[in-house]
Amino acid sequence: MHRTFYHGSVSARKKDSQLTDNQTLIVQTKGMIDGLKSVCKDYGLANDSSEYKIITEAFLYKFLNDKFRHELFANKKVSGSKDLNEAEDRYISMDDAERDYLMLDFTDTAIIKPEHLLSALFNSQNKSNFDEIFDGALVGIANDNIETFSVLTGSGEKIKLFRGVSNYVAEPEKRAAFCRAIVNKLSAFSFEEAFTQKYDFFSDIFEYLISDYNKDSGEYGEYFTPNSVACIIARILVPEAGPRSVTVYDPACGSGTLVLALAHELGEDNCSIYGQDQSQKANEFMRLNLILNGLVHSLPHVVHDDTLATPRHLNQDKNRLRQFDFVVSNPPFKSDFSSTRDVLADEKHSQRFFAGVPNIPKKDAKKMAIYLMFIQHILSSMDEGNGKAAIVVPTGFLTAKGKIELAIRKKMIEEGMLRGVVSMPSNIFANTGTNVSIVFLDKDGANDEAVLIDASKLGTKVKIEKNQRTVLSEGEIDQIINTFNRAEQIEDFSVVATLGDIKEKRYSFSAGQYFDIRIKYIDLTPEEFDVELTKRLASLESLFAESNQLQKEIAKQMGTVHFEA
């Protein structure tokens, strides 16, 4: 079958002998993303609230299309094909029964009908209703894969993969051209060489893809955790070969950076991801992240709902929270939850929120310390036997004297949960000046000492757009991880404090309060001492003389001012 379709062709890729290099792939993938953004700009959608939907739907459609072609070529039932295009041609030429039989092998790959393939769209561009054809392909793929590729609402309804994009263009007469422009950008690139890559490749691409749409604004669900922080958490929680068949949970999952980093450290096939977030946008990003990283099997565990008021991950009897092997989270620090505050403070939630519920500030309800609620929720969500957790908190939490903060820290110490704390440099997050620390916990209660690290002096200041951000080098990341995992004590950097020491310091988790104060001594002979003393006395006399002269001048000026008055 002859098809006039470019698809980032194999022949074009052969011209670039460096394409298999990660950096080349990253550059080319970012180029495709930039191309999609330029299409949005040309049609007046740049910075529009719909832009992220268009970009992410188009990107994901392209990824799924290319992964489907890749699986076709690798499938034994379509064996003998010399390249991807021939494998696709054989698939298209099959009858419905043959295709249904073939699709039994596709468990975590989206099934795409022949008419929904990118090649079919590319060859249908001359049709006047191309916008309807393009949207029809997106919606068709969403419907055909609804059981596998959907996340859930709190009530259990499935949120489909695609909704279509042409309606975001206000003028109906421009919609077909808009969809043609998108298809041409997608067709000029191929993901083929990328499917052997893992998290390290796609984490970079994912951050670039959503960077304009998921700012660190501090709003609920809008946090984006830097990869350096995610890496530190993952490698401290899993210092060696990870356990198999474990569960990983984030109650404020956002775009999923933390759970994905941990899954990569554990092995994507060794864990199931669970997450909840009340931000619709965050859930869409989380789904995209899971698909890109080969964790399609975890999509049914992602829920769009308010974790604190209506937690959706419960035990089999539905009478308490489900408990997980690993819990990681960078929860929102402040947010207005005044509408549910009294409900959460009710007696029926007292076991989960043992330390209490913050009051509503009189001047600004948006400053409610919601992170304190998430910490308490996480403690109840850790497996009683061997649950482990890492929580990003404001550094002020480590020493705060408030009733709730103190009660939480006291529980961590009294029950032997605190494994350690890493205080990060300022501006580690791009758009917030809040200093952050990472608290590491073990639910087994076996800890009798904790590693406290002050990494606040590490990093290099760089300017990203209008904001200053601190970036950690690979060496600095390794330094933090190795110091923590080896429980090393390094002057003015790390200390291993007993839980008894921490109790005496009023449950302070701040490393600086445990550093030794060192006074340097210099041995001097009597003669050297006399010389040094004479120098210092002379210096003092000079300073006193200068001070007296200044006082006279000031008095003179004051007298002049008084006379003139």
Protein backbone atom coordinates (compact mmCIF):
# COMPACT_ATOMS: atom_id res chain seq x y z
CA MET A 1 0.00 0.00 0.00
CA HIS A 2 1.45 3.37 -0.96
CA ARG A 3 0.90 6.28 1.37
CA THR A 4 2.22 9.78 1.07
CA PHE A 5 3.10 10.20 4.74
CA TYR A 6 6.25 11.64 6.24
CA HIS A 7 6.03 10.63 9.93
CA GLY A 8 9.57 11.76 10.77
CA SER A 9 10.60 9.11 8.30
CA VAL A 10 13.16 6.40 8.89
CA SER A 11 15.17 7.69 5.92
CA ALA A 12 15.31 11.14 7.51
CA ARG A 13 16.49 9.64 10.79
CA LYS A 14 19.29 7.78 9.03
CA LYS A 15 20.68 11.14 7.99
CA ASP A 16 21.25 11.97 11.63
CA SER A 17 23.64 9.39 13.05
CA GLN A 18 23.33 10.98 16.50
CA LEU A 19 19.57 10.57 16.87
CA THR A 20 19.86 7.66 19.27
CA ASP A 21 21.66 9.93 21.73
CA ASN A 22 19.39 11.07 24.55
CA GLN A 23 20.23 14.72 24.13
CA THR A 24 19.35 14.67 20.44
CA LEU A 25 16.03 13.03 21.21
CA ILE A 26 15.33 15.61 23.88
CA VAL A 27 16.14 18.50 21.57
CA GLN A 28 13.95 17.12 18.78
CA THR A 29 11.06 16.35 21.12
CA LYS A 30 11.20 19.84 22.59
CA GLY A 31 11.23 21.15 19.03
CA MET A 32 7.95 19.34 18.37
CA ILE A 33 6.45 20.82 21.54
CA ASP A 34 7.59 24.28 20.49
CA GLY A 35 6.00 23.67 17.10
CA LEU A 36 2.66 22.87 18.73
CA LYS A 37 2.92 26.03 20.83
CA SER A 38 3.62 28.07 17.69
CA VAL A 39 0.43 26.69 16.11
CA CYS A 40 -1.53 27.83 19.17
CA LYS A 41 0.08 31.24 18.90
CA ASP A 42 -0.77 31.53 15.19
CA TYR A 43 -4.43 30.89 16.00
CA GLY A 44 -4.63 33.27 18.95
CA LEU A 45 -4.47 30.63 21.68
CA ALA A 46 -1.07 31.40 23.22
CA ASN A 47 -1.42 31.77 27.02
CA ASP A 48 -5.10 30.90 26.71
CA SER A 49 -6.51 28.62 29.40
CA SER A 50 -7.13 26.01 26.70
CA GLU A 51 -3.54 25.96 25.42
CA TYR A 52 -2.32 23.29 27.85
CA LYS A 53 -5.22 21.02 26.86
CA ILE A 54 -4.36 21.33 23.18
CA ILE A 55 -0.64 20.78 23.73
CA THR A 56 -1.03 17.79 26.05
CA GLU A 57 -3.74 16.09 23.95
CA ALA A 58 -1.75 16.49 20.74
CA PHE A 59 1.49 15.34 22.38
CA LEU A 60 -0.15 12.31 23.99
CA TYR A 61 -1.94 11.35 20.78
CA LYS A 62 1.39 11.40 18.96
CA PHE A 63 3.06 9.34 21.67
CA LEU A 64 0.30 6.71 21.68
CA ASN A 65 0.23 6.54 17.89
CA ASP A 66 3.99 5.94 17.68
CA LYS A 67 3.95 3.43 20.54
CA PHE A 68 1.18 1.52 18.77
CA ARG A 69 3.24 1.41 15.55
CA HIS A 70 6.25 0.28 17.58
CA GLU A 71 4.26 -2.56 19.13
CA LEU A 72 2.87 -3.56 15.73
CA PHE A 73 6.36 -3.91 14.32
CA ALA A 74 7.51 -5.96 17.34
CA ASN A 75 4.48 -8.26 17.34
CA LYS A 76 4.99 -11.82 16.05
CA LYS A 77 1.55 -11.80 14.44
CA VAL A 78 2.76 -9.04 12.13
CA SER A 79 6.22 -10.58 11.70
CA GLY A 80 8.27 -10.17 8.55
CA SER A 81 7.72 -6.43 8.16
CA LYS A 82 10.89 -4.59 7.14
CA ASP A 83 9.90 -1.34 8.84
CA LEU A 84 7.17 0.43 10.80
CA ASN A 85 5.28 1.55 7.72
CA GLU A 86 5.02 -1.98 6.36
CA ALA A 87 3.86 -3.28 9.75
CA GLU A 88 1.19 -0.58 9.78
CA ASP A 89 0.15 -1.48 6.22
CA ARG A 90 -0.32 -5.12 7.22
CA TYR A 91 -2.43 -4.06 10.20
CA ILE A 92 -4.62 -1.87 8.00
CA SER A 93 -5.13 -4.68 5.47
CA MET A 94 -6.43 -7.10 8.13
CA ASP A 95 -10.12 -7.78 8.52
CA ASP A 96 -11.89 -7.01 11.80
CA ALA A 97 -11.50 -10.56 13.18
CA GLU A 98 -7.76 -10.57 12.52
CA ARG A 99 -7.34 -7.20 14.14
CA ASP A 100 -9.36 -8.24 17.21
CA TYR A 101 -7.14 -11.31 17.58
CA LEU A 102 -4.02 -9.16 17.25
CA MET A 103 -5.25 -6.69 19.87
CA LEU A 104 -5.28 -9.41 22.54
CA ASP A 105 -1.52 -8.85 22.80
CA PHE A 106 -1.90 -5.13 23.52
CA THR A 107 -2.42 -4.82 27.26
CA ASP A 108 -0.87 -1.45 28.15
CA THR A 109 -0.79 0.13 24.70
CA ALA A 110 -3.71 2.16 23.39
CA ILE A 111 -5.57 0.38 20.59
CA ILE A 112 -5.90 2.62 17.55
CA LYS A 113 -8.22 1.81 14.66
CA PRO A 114 -6.82 2.27 11.12
CA GLU A 115 -8.89 5.40 10.49
CA HIS A 116 -7.55 6.98 13.69
CA LEU A 117 -3.86 6.51 12.92
CA LEU A 118 -1.80 9.62 12.27
CA SER A 119 -1.00 8.39 8.76
CA ALA A 120 -4.74 8.26 7.97
CA LEU A 121 -5.21 11.80 9.27
CA PHE A 122 -2.20 13.04 7.33
CA ASN A 123 -3.71 11.70 4.12
CA SER A 124 -7.16 13.20 4.84
CA GLN A 125 -6.08 16.82 5.23
CA ASN A 126 -7.66 17.96 1.97
CA LYS A 127 -11.16 17.31 3.29
CA SER A 128 -13.11 20.39 4.25
CA ASN A 129 -14.33 18.88 7.53
CA PHE A 130 -10.87 17.89 8.65
CA ASP A 131 -11.45 19.38 12.11
CA GLU A 132 -14.30 16.93 12.63
CA ILE A 133 -12.13 14.07 11.37
CA PHE A 134 -9.27 14.99 13.71
CA ASP A 135 -11.48 15.42 16.77
CA GLY A 136 -13.32 12.24 15.83
CA ALA A 137 -10.04 10.33 15.92
CA LEU A 138 -9.16 11.69 19.36
CA VAL A 139 -12.58 10.95 20.84
CA GLY A 140 -12.68 7.56 19.12
CA ILE A 141 -9.38 6.53 20.69
CA ALA A 142 -10.63 7.74 24.09
CA ASN A 143 -13.80 5.67 23.79
CA ASP A 144 -12.00 2.57 22.51
CA ASN A 145 -9.57 2.64 25.44
CA ILE A 146 -11.77 3.96 28.23
CA GLU A 147 -11.30 0.93 30.48
CA THR A 148 -7.50 1.12 30.46
CA PHE A 149 -6.62 4.77 29.97
CA SER A 150 -9.06 6.62 32.23
CA VAL A 151 -8.64 8.16 35.65
CA LEU A 152 -11.58 8.46 38.03
CA THR A 153 -13.67 11.16 39.61
CA GLY A 154 -14.45 10.84 43.29
CA SER A 155 -17.81 9.28 42.44
CA GLY A 156 -16.14 6.64 40.25
CA GLU A 157 -16.93 8.08 36.83
CA LYS A 158 -14.24 7.64 34.18
CA ILE A 159 -12.51 10.74 32.84
CA LYS A 160 -11.77 10.06 29.18
CA LEU A 161 -8.35 10.41 27.61
CA PHE A 162 -9.30 12.96 24.91
CA ARG A 163 -12.09 15.45 24.28
CA GLY A 164 -10.95 16.99 20.98
CA VAL A 165 -9.30 20.36 20.40
CA SER A 166 -10.84 22.19 17.42
CA ASN A 167 -13.60 23.87 19.42
CA TYR A 168 -11.02 25.94 21.26
CA VAL A 169 -10.64 27.96 18.04
CA ALA A 170 -13.39 30.57 18.17
CA GLU A 171 -13.88 30.98 14.38
CA PRO A 172 -15.36 27.78 12.90
CA GLU A 173 -13.87 28.52 9.47
CA LYS A 174 -10.34 28.32 10.91
CA ARG A 175 -10.72 25.03 12.76
CA ALA A 176 -9.85 22.70 9.90
CA ALA A 177 -6.66 24.64 9.12
CA PHE A 178 -5.76 24.63 12.81
CA CYS A 179 -6.04 20.83 12.95
CA ARG A 180 -4.02 20.48 9.74
CA ALA A 181 -1.25 22.57 11.27
CA ILE A 182 -1.18 20.32 14.35
CA VAL A 183 -1.06 17.14 12.28
CA ASN A 184 1.81 18.45 10.19
CA LYS A 185 3.82 19.27 13.31
CA LEU A 186 3.18 15.78 14.69
CA SER A 187 4.02 14.08 11.41
CA ALA A 188 7.47 15.65 11.15
CA PHE A 189 8.77 13.77 14.21
CA SER A 190 8.89 10.20 15.53
CA PHE A 191 9.14 8.75 19.02
CA GLU A 192 10.42 5.46 17.61
CA GLU A 193 13.92 5.74 19.09
CA ALA A 194 12.58 6.79 22.49
CA PHE A 195 10.76 3.65 23.59
CA THR A 196 13.88 2.01 24.98
CA GLN A 197 14.43 4.99 27.26
CA LYS A 198 13.22 5.28 30.83
CA TYR A 199 12.28 7.96 33.37
CA ASP A 200 15.44 10.03 32.92
CA PHE A 201 14.47 10.91 29.36
CA PHE A 202 10.79 11.52 29.89
CA SER A 203 11.16 13.44 33.16
CA ASP A 204 13.05 16.13 31.27
CA ILE A 205 10.50 16.17 28.46
CA PHE A 206 7.55 16.13 30.83
CA GLU A 207 8.85 19.10 32.81
CA TYR A 208 9.40 21.02 29.57
CA LEU A 209 5.98 20.06 28.25
CA ILE A 210 4.04 21.41 31.20
CA SER A 211 6.44 24.12 32.42
CA ASP A 212 4.24 26.96 31.14
CA TYR A 213 1.06 25.48 32.61
CA ASN A 214 2.00 24.16 36.07
CA LYS A 215 3.62 27.05 37.91
CA ASP A 216 4.83 26.85 41.51
CA SER A 217 2.19 29.37 42.44
CA GLY A 218 1.38 27.79 45.78
CA GLU A 219 -2.22 27.17 44.80
CA TYR A 220 -3.70 23.79 45.69
CA GLY A 221 -2.53 21.13 43.28
CA GLU A 222 -0.26 23.48 41.32
CA TYR A 223 3.05 22.48 42.81
CA PHE A 224 5.73 21.08 40.56
CA THR A 225 8.51 19.31 42.43
CA PRO A 226 12.01 19.82 40.96
CA ASN A 227 13.63 16.63 39.73
CA SER A 228 16.57 17.16 42.12
CA VAL A 229 14.20 16.96 45.11
CA ALA A 230 12.41 13.94 43.61
CA CYS A 231 15.75 12.20 43.05
CA ILE A 232 16.92 12.82 46.63
CA ILE A 233 13.66 11.45 48.04
CA ALA A 234 13.67 8.35 45.83
CA ARG A 235 17.30 7.40 46.46
CA ILE A 236 17.03 7.87 50.22
CA LEU A 237 13.81 5.87 50.45
CA VAL A 238 15.24 3.12 48.22
CA PRO A 239 19.02 3.09 48.86
CA GLU A 240 19.51 -0.37 47.35
CA ALA A 241 17.52 -2.81 45.22
CA GLY A 242 13.90 -2.09 46.04
CA PRO A 243 11.26 -4.54 47.25
CA ARG A 244 8.83 -6.06 44.77
CA SER A 245 5.06 -5.66 44.44
CA VAL A 246 4.79 -2.58 46.60
CA THR A 247 2.34 0.32 46.69
CA VAL A 248 3.29 3.98 46.35
CA TYR A 249 0.89 6.77 47.35
CA ASP A 250 0.73 10.55 47.13
CA PRO A 251 -2.36 12.23 48.64
CA ALA A 252 -1.57 15.51 46.83
CA CYS A 253 -0.05 13.98 43.73
CA GLY A 254 -0.04 17.02 41.44
CA SER A 255 1.68 16.06 38.20
CA GLY A 256 3.20 12.94 39.76
CA THR A 257 6.89 13.83 39.82
CA LEU A 258 7.55 12.27 43.24
CA VAL A 259 5.75 8.98 42.69
CA LEU A 260 7.28 8.59 39.24
CA ALA A 261 10.82 9.13 40.55
CA LEU A 262 10.21 6.55 43.27
CA ALA A 263 8.67 4.11 40.77
CA HIS A 264 11.78 4.44 38.61
CA GLU A 265 13.99 3.64 41.60
CA LEU A 266 11.83 0.66 42.59
CA GLY A 267 11.29 -0.52 39.01
CA GLU A 268 8.07 0.35 37.20
CA ASP A 269 7.00 -3.31 37.15
CA ASN A 270 7.55 -3.66 40.89
CA CYS A 271 5.03 -1.12 42.11
CA SER A 272 1.54 0.27 41.75
CA ILE A 273 0.95 4.02 41.98
CA TYR A 274 -1.96 5.57 43.89
CA GLY A 275 -2.77 9.26 43.91
CA GLN A 276 -5.47 11.81 44.59
CA ASP A 277 -5.70 15.53 43.88
CA GLN A 278 -8.62 17.92 43.65
CA SER A 279 -7.09 19.82 40.72
CA GLN A 280 -8.43 18.65 37.37
CA LYS A 281 -5.37 19.97 35.58
CA ALA A 282 -3.04 18.16 37.96
CA ASN A 283 -4.87 14.89 37.35
CA GLU A 284 -4.54 15.32 33.58
CA PHE A 285 -0.81 15.90 33.98
CA MET A 286 -0.53 12.91 36.32
CA ARG A 287 -2.22 10.66 33.75
CA LEU A 288 0.11 11.90 31.03
CA ASN A 289 3.13 11.26 33.27
CA LEU A 290 2.05 7.71 34.08
CA ILE A 291 1.50 6.88 30.41
CA LEU A 292 4.85 8.29 29.34
CA ASN A 293 6.60 6.27 32.03
CA GLY A 294 5.01 2.89 31.38
CA LEU A 295 2.68 2.85 34.38
CA VAL A 296 -0.62 2.50 32.56
CA HIS A 297 -1.66 -0.21 35.05
CA SER A 298 -1.80 2.48 37.76
CA LEU A 299 -4.21 4.82 35.95
CA PRO A 300 -7.33 3.39 37.68
CA HIS A 301 -5.77 4.35 41.03
CA VAL A 302 -5.63 8.08 40.21
CA VAL A 303 -8.64 9.97 41.57
CA HIS A 304 -9.82 13.54 41.08
CA ASP A 305 -11.25 14.63 44.45
CA ASP A 306 -10.51 16.39 47.76
CA THR A 307 -8.19 14.06 49.69
CA LEU A 308 -8.80 15.56 53.13
CA ALA A 309 -12.59 15.80 53.01
CA THR A 310 -13.29 12.71 50.88
CA PRO A 311 -10.31 10.35 50.77
CA ARG A 312 -10.96 7.73 48.09
CA HIS A 313 -8.23 5.20 48.85
CA LEU A 314 -9.75 3.09 51.61
CA ASN A 315 -9.27 -0.44 52.91
CA GLN A 316 -11.41 -3.33 51.68
CA ASP A 317 -14.04 -2.76 54.36
CA LYS A 318 -14.22 0.96 53.49
CA ASN A 319 -14.02 1.85 57.17
CA ARG A 320 -10.53 3.37 57.32
CA LEU A 321 -7.74 4.68 55.11
CA ARG A 322 -5.81 2.23 52.99
CA GLN A 323 -2.20 1.94 54.12
CA PHE A 324 0.75 1.94 51.72
CA ASP A 325 4.35 0.75 51.62
CA PHE A 326 5.64 4.14 50.47
CA VAL A 327 4.06 7.58 50.82
CA VAL A 328 5.68 10.61 49.19
CA SER A 329 4.22 14.08 48.96
CA ASN A 330 4.89 17.74 48.34
CA PRO A 331 1.54 19.01 49.63
CA PRO A 332 0.35 22.59 49.25
CA PHE A 333 1.60 24.60 52.22
CA LYS A 334 -1.25 27.10 52.50
CA SER A 335 -4.76 27.04 51.07
CA ASP A 336 -8.27 28.10 51.98
CA PHE A 337 -10.10 25.01 53.22
CA SER A 338 -12.48 26.98 55.43
CA SER A 339 -15.52 25.37 53.76
CA THR A 340 -14.51 21.94 55.09
CA ARG A 341 -12.58 23.01 58.20
CA ASP A 342 -15.36 22.31 60.71
CA VAL A 343 -16.16 18.96 59.09
CA LEU A 344 -12.53 17.89 59.38
CA ALA A 345 -12.48 19.02 63.02
CA ASP A 346 -15.43 16.74 63.82
CA GLU A 347 -14.92 13.96 66.35
CA LYS A 348 -15.19 11.23 63.68
CA HIS A 349 -11.95 12.50 62.12
CA SER A 350 -10.09 12.91 65.42
CA GLN A 351 -8.01 9.77 64.98
CA ARG A 352 -6.71 10.89 61.59
CA PHE A 353 -6.25 14.52 62.61
CA PHE A 354 -4.93 13.75 66.09
CA ALA A 355 -3.00 17.03 66.45
CA GLY A 356 -5.93 19.24 65.52
CA VAL A 357 -7.15 21.41 62.65
CA PRO A 358 -5.79 24.93 61.98
CA ASN A 359 -8.15 27.82 62.67
CA ILE A 360 -9.25 30.17 59.89
CA PRO A 361 -7.06 33.31 59.88
CA LYS A 362 -9.16 36.44 60.40
CA LYS A 363 -7.46 38.47 57.66
CA ASP A 364 -6.76 35.90 54.95
CA ALA A 365 -8.28 32.42 54.78
CA LYS A 366 -5.86 31.49 51.98
CA LYS A 367 -3.10 31.33 54.59
CA MET A 368 -4.55 28.28 56.33
CA ALA A 369 -1.70 25.81 56.94
CA ILE A 370 -3.16 22.94 54.97
CA TYR A 371 0.15 21.06 54.88
CA LEU A 372 -0.35 20.19 58.58
CA MET A 373 -3.48 18.31 57.61
CA PHE A 374 -1.66 16.38 54.91
CA ILE A 375 1.14 15.38 57.29
CA GLN A 376 -1.43 13.91 59.68
CA HIS A 377 -3.22 12.17 56.79
CA ILE A 378 0.09 10.66 55.64
CA LEU A 379 0.88 9.27 59.10
CA SER A 380 -2.44 7.39 58.95
CA SER A 381 -1.73 6.20 55.41
CA MET A 382 1.61 4.49 56.15
CA ASP A 383 1.66 0.71 56.48
CA GLU A 384 1.92 -0.15 60.18
CA GLY A 385 4.60 -2.79 59.63
CA ASN A 386 7.12 -1.24 57.26
CA GLY A 387 5.61 1.92 55.80
CA LYS A 388 8.06 4.62 54.74
CA ALA A 389 7.36 8.25 53.91
CA ALA A 390 9.02 11.43 52.71
CA ILE A 391 7.20 14.76 53.04
CA VAL A 392 8.21 18.19 51.74
CA VAL A 393 7.42 20.78 54.42
CA PRO A 394 8.13 24.47 55.04
CA THR A 395 11.43 24.64 56.95
CA GLY A 396 9.62 26.67 59.62
CA PHE A 397 7.77 23.48 60.59
CA LEU A 398 10.99 22.03 62.02
CA THR A 399 11.04 24.46 64.95
CA ALA A 400 7.52 25.93 65.04
CA LYS A 401 6.10 26.20 68.56
CA GLY A 402 2.44 26.02 67.52
CA LYS A 403 0.25 23.42 69.20
CA ILE A 404 -0.38 21.40 66.03
CA GLU A 405 3.21 21.49 64.74
CA LEU A 406 4.60 20.52 68.13
CA ALA A 407 2.12 17.66 68.56
CA ILE A 408 3.03 16.22 65.14
CA ARG A 409 6.78 16.36 65.78
CA LYS A 410 6.30 14.90 69.25
CA LYS A 411 4.40 11.93 67.81
CA MET A 412 7.16 11.30 65.25
CA ILE A 413 9.75 11.21 68.05
CA GLU A 414 7.77 9.39 70.74
CA GLU A 415 6.90 6.61 68.27
CA GLY A 416 10.42 6.33 66.83
CA MET A 417 9.33 7.29 63.33
CA LEU A 418 11.80 10.05 62.46
CA ARG A 419 14.57 8.75 60.22
CA GLY A 420 15.92 12.17 59.33
CA VAL A 421 15.50 15.63 57.80
CA VAL A 422 17.16 17.41 54.89
CA SER A 423 16.85 21.21 54.83
CA MET A 424 17.14 22.39 51.22
CA PRO A 425 18.61 25.62 49.80
CA SER A 426 16.31 28.61 49.38
CA ASN A 427 14.60 29.04 45.99
CA ILE A 428 14.89 25.35 45.15
CA PHE A 429 11.37 25.87 43.79
CA ALA A 430 11.26 28.39 40.95
CA ASN A 431 8.32 30.57 41.93
CA THR A 432 8.23 30.47 45.71
CA GLY A 433 10.67 31.88 48.22
CA THR A 434 9.52 29.52 50.97
CA ASN A 435 12.43 27.49 52.34
CA VAL A 436 11.63 23.78 52.32
CA SER A 437 12.83 20.67 54.10
CA ILE A 438 12.20 16.97 53.56
CA VAL A 439 11.11 14.84 56.51
CA PHE A 440 11.79 11.08 56.25
CA LEU A 441 9.76 8.65 58.36
CA ASP A 442 9.63 4.91 59.14
CA LYS A 443 6.40 3.58 60.59
CA ASP A 444 8.05 0.53 62.21
CA GLY A 445 9.20 2.77 65.10
CA ALA A 446 12.71 1.29 65.15
CA ASN A 447 14.59 4.59 64.96
CA ASP A 448 16.46 5.75 68.07
CA GLU A 449 18.40 8.48 66.25
CA ALA A 450 17.88 10.72 63.24
CA VAL A 451 20.13 12.18 60.53
CA LEU A 452 19.72 15.96 60.30
CA ILE A 453 21.26 17.68 57.27
CA ASP A 454 21.55 21.40 56.57
CA ALA A 455 22.04 21.61 52.80
CA SER A 456 20.95 25.24 52.66
CA LYS A 457 24.40 26.46 51.53
CA LEU A 458 24.58 24.15 48.51
CA GLY A 459 23.52 24.92 44.95
CA THR A 460 24.08 27.55 42.31
CA LYS A 461 21.80 30.53 41.80
CA VAL A 462 20.41 30.78 38.26
CA LYS A 463 17.72 33.00 36.77
CA ILE A 464 14.77 31.24 35.16
CA GLU A 465 12.55 33.75 33.38
CA LYS A 466 11.98 36.43 36.05
CA ASN A 467 12.67 34.20 39.02
CA GLN A 468 15.85 33.18 40.78
CA ARG A 469 16.22 29.48 41.36
CA THR A 470 18.83 27.37 43.14
CA VAL A 471 20.04 24.40 41.12
CA LEU A 472 21.88 21.47 42.71
CA SER A 473 24.68 19.77 40.80
CA GLU A 474 24.82 15.98 40.49
CA GLY A 475 27.73 15.99 42.92
CA GLU A 476 25.73 17.95 45.50
CA ILE A 477 22.75 15.64 45.10
CA ASP A 478 25.05 12.65 45.66
CA GLN A 479 26.57 14.38 48.69
CA ILE A 480 23.16 14.78 50.33
CA ILE A 481 22.07 11.23 49.55
CA ASN A 482 25.31 9.54 50.59
CA THR A 483 25.61 11.55 53.81
CA PHE A 484 22.05 10.65 54.78
CA ASN A 485 22.19 6.96 53.88
CA ARG A 486 25.57 6.48 55.59
CA ALA A 487 24.50 8.53 58.64
CA GLU A 488 27.70 10.58 58.41
CA GLN A 489 28.45 13.55 60.64
CA ILE A 490 30.10 16.44 58.77
CA GLU A 491 30.95 19.73 60.43
CA ASP A 492 28.27 22.39 59.81
CA PHE A 493 26.49 20.06 57.36
CA SER A 494 25.10 17.00 59.11
CA VAL A 495 24.60 15.55 62.55
CA VAL A 496 23.21 12.29 63.94
CA ALA A 497 21.01 13.21 66.89
CA THR A 498 19.48 10.74 69.31
CA LEU A 499 15.76 11.00 69.84
CA GLY A 500 16.60 11.87 73.44
CA ASP A 501 18.62 14.85 72.22
CA ILE A 502 15.70 15.95 70.08
CA LYS A 503 13.34 15.76 73.05
CA GLU A 504 15.68 17.97 75.07
CA LYS A 505 15.63 20.53 72.23
CA ARG A 506 11.83 20.71 72.48
CA TYR A 507 11.44 18.40 69.49
CA SER A 508 13.38 20.66 67.15
CA PHE A 509 14.27 19.01 63.82
CA SER A 510 16.66 21.78 62.74
CA ALA A 511 20.21 20.49 62.14
CA GLY A 512 21.81 23.82 63.09
CA GLN A 513 20.66 23.51 66.70
CA TYR A 514 22.75 20.34 67.12
CA PHE A 515 26.02 21.51 65.57
CA ASP A 516 28.89 21.88 68.03
CA ILE A 517 30.12 25.43 68.72
CA ARG A 518 33.88 25.34 68.21
CA ILE A 519 36.29 27.98 69.58
CA LYS A 520 39.69 28.11 67.89
CA TYR A 521 42.73 28.36 70.14
CA ILE A 522 46.19 29.64 69.07
CA ASP A 523 49.29 28.91 71.13
CA LEU A 524 51.42 32.07 71.79
CA THR A 525 54.68 32.63 73.64
CA PRO A 526 54.69 35.37 76.34
CA GLU A 527 56.63 37.63 73.99
CA GLU A 528 54.16 37.05 71.11
CA PHE A 529 51.25 37.68 73.49
CA ASP A 530 52.74 41.05 74.57
CA VAL A 531 53.21 42.13 70.93
CA GLU A 532 49.65 41.12 70.01
CA LEU A 533 48.23 42.87 73.09
CA THR A 534 50.14 46.10 72.30
CA LYS A 535 48.77 46.08 68.73
CA ARG A 536 45.20 45.62 69.92
CA LEU A 537 45.47 48.32 72.63
CA ALA A 538 46.83 50.74 70.05
CA SER A 539 43.95 49.90 67.76
CA LEU A 540 41.48 50.51 70.59
CA GLU A 541 43.05 53.88 71.42
CA SER A 542 42.77 54.89 67.77
CA LEU A 543 39.12 53.89 67.68
CA PHE A 544 38.36 55.79 70.92
CA ALA A 545 40.06 58.92 69.55
CA GLU A 546 38.05 58.68 66.35
CA SER A 547 34.85 58.20 68.36
CA ASN A 548 35.57 61.27 70.51
CA GLN A 549 36.21 63.41 67.42
CA LEU A 550 32.91 62.27 65.88
CA GLN A 551 31.04 63.10 69.09
CA LYS A 552 32.51 66.64 69.10
CA GLU A 553 31.45 67.19 65.47
CA ILE A 554 27.95 65.90 66.17
CA ALA A 555 27.63 68.15 69.24
CA LYS A 556 28.78 71.14 67.20
CA GLN A 557 26.23 70.41 64.48
CA MET A 558 23.44 69.94 67.05
CA GLY A 559 24.34 73.24 68.65
CA THR A 560 24.16 75.03 65.30
CA VAL A 561 20.80 73.56 64.57
CA HIS A 562 19.50 74.63 67.99
CA PHE A 563 20.72 78.22 67.54
CA GLU A 564 19.15 78.54 64.10
CA ALA A 565 15.88 77.20 65.36
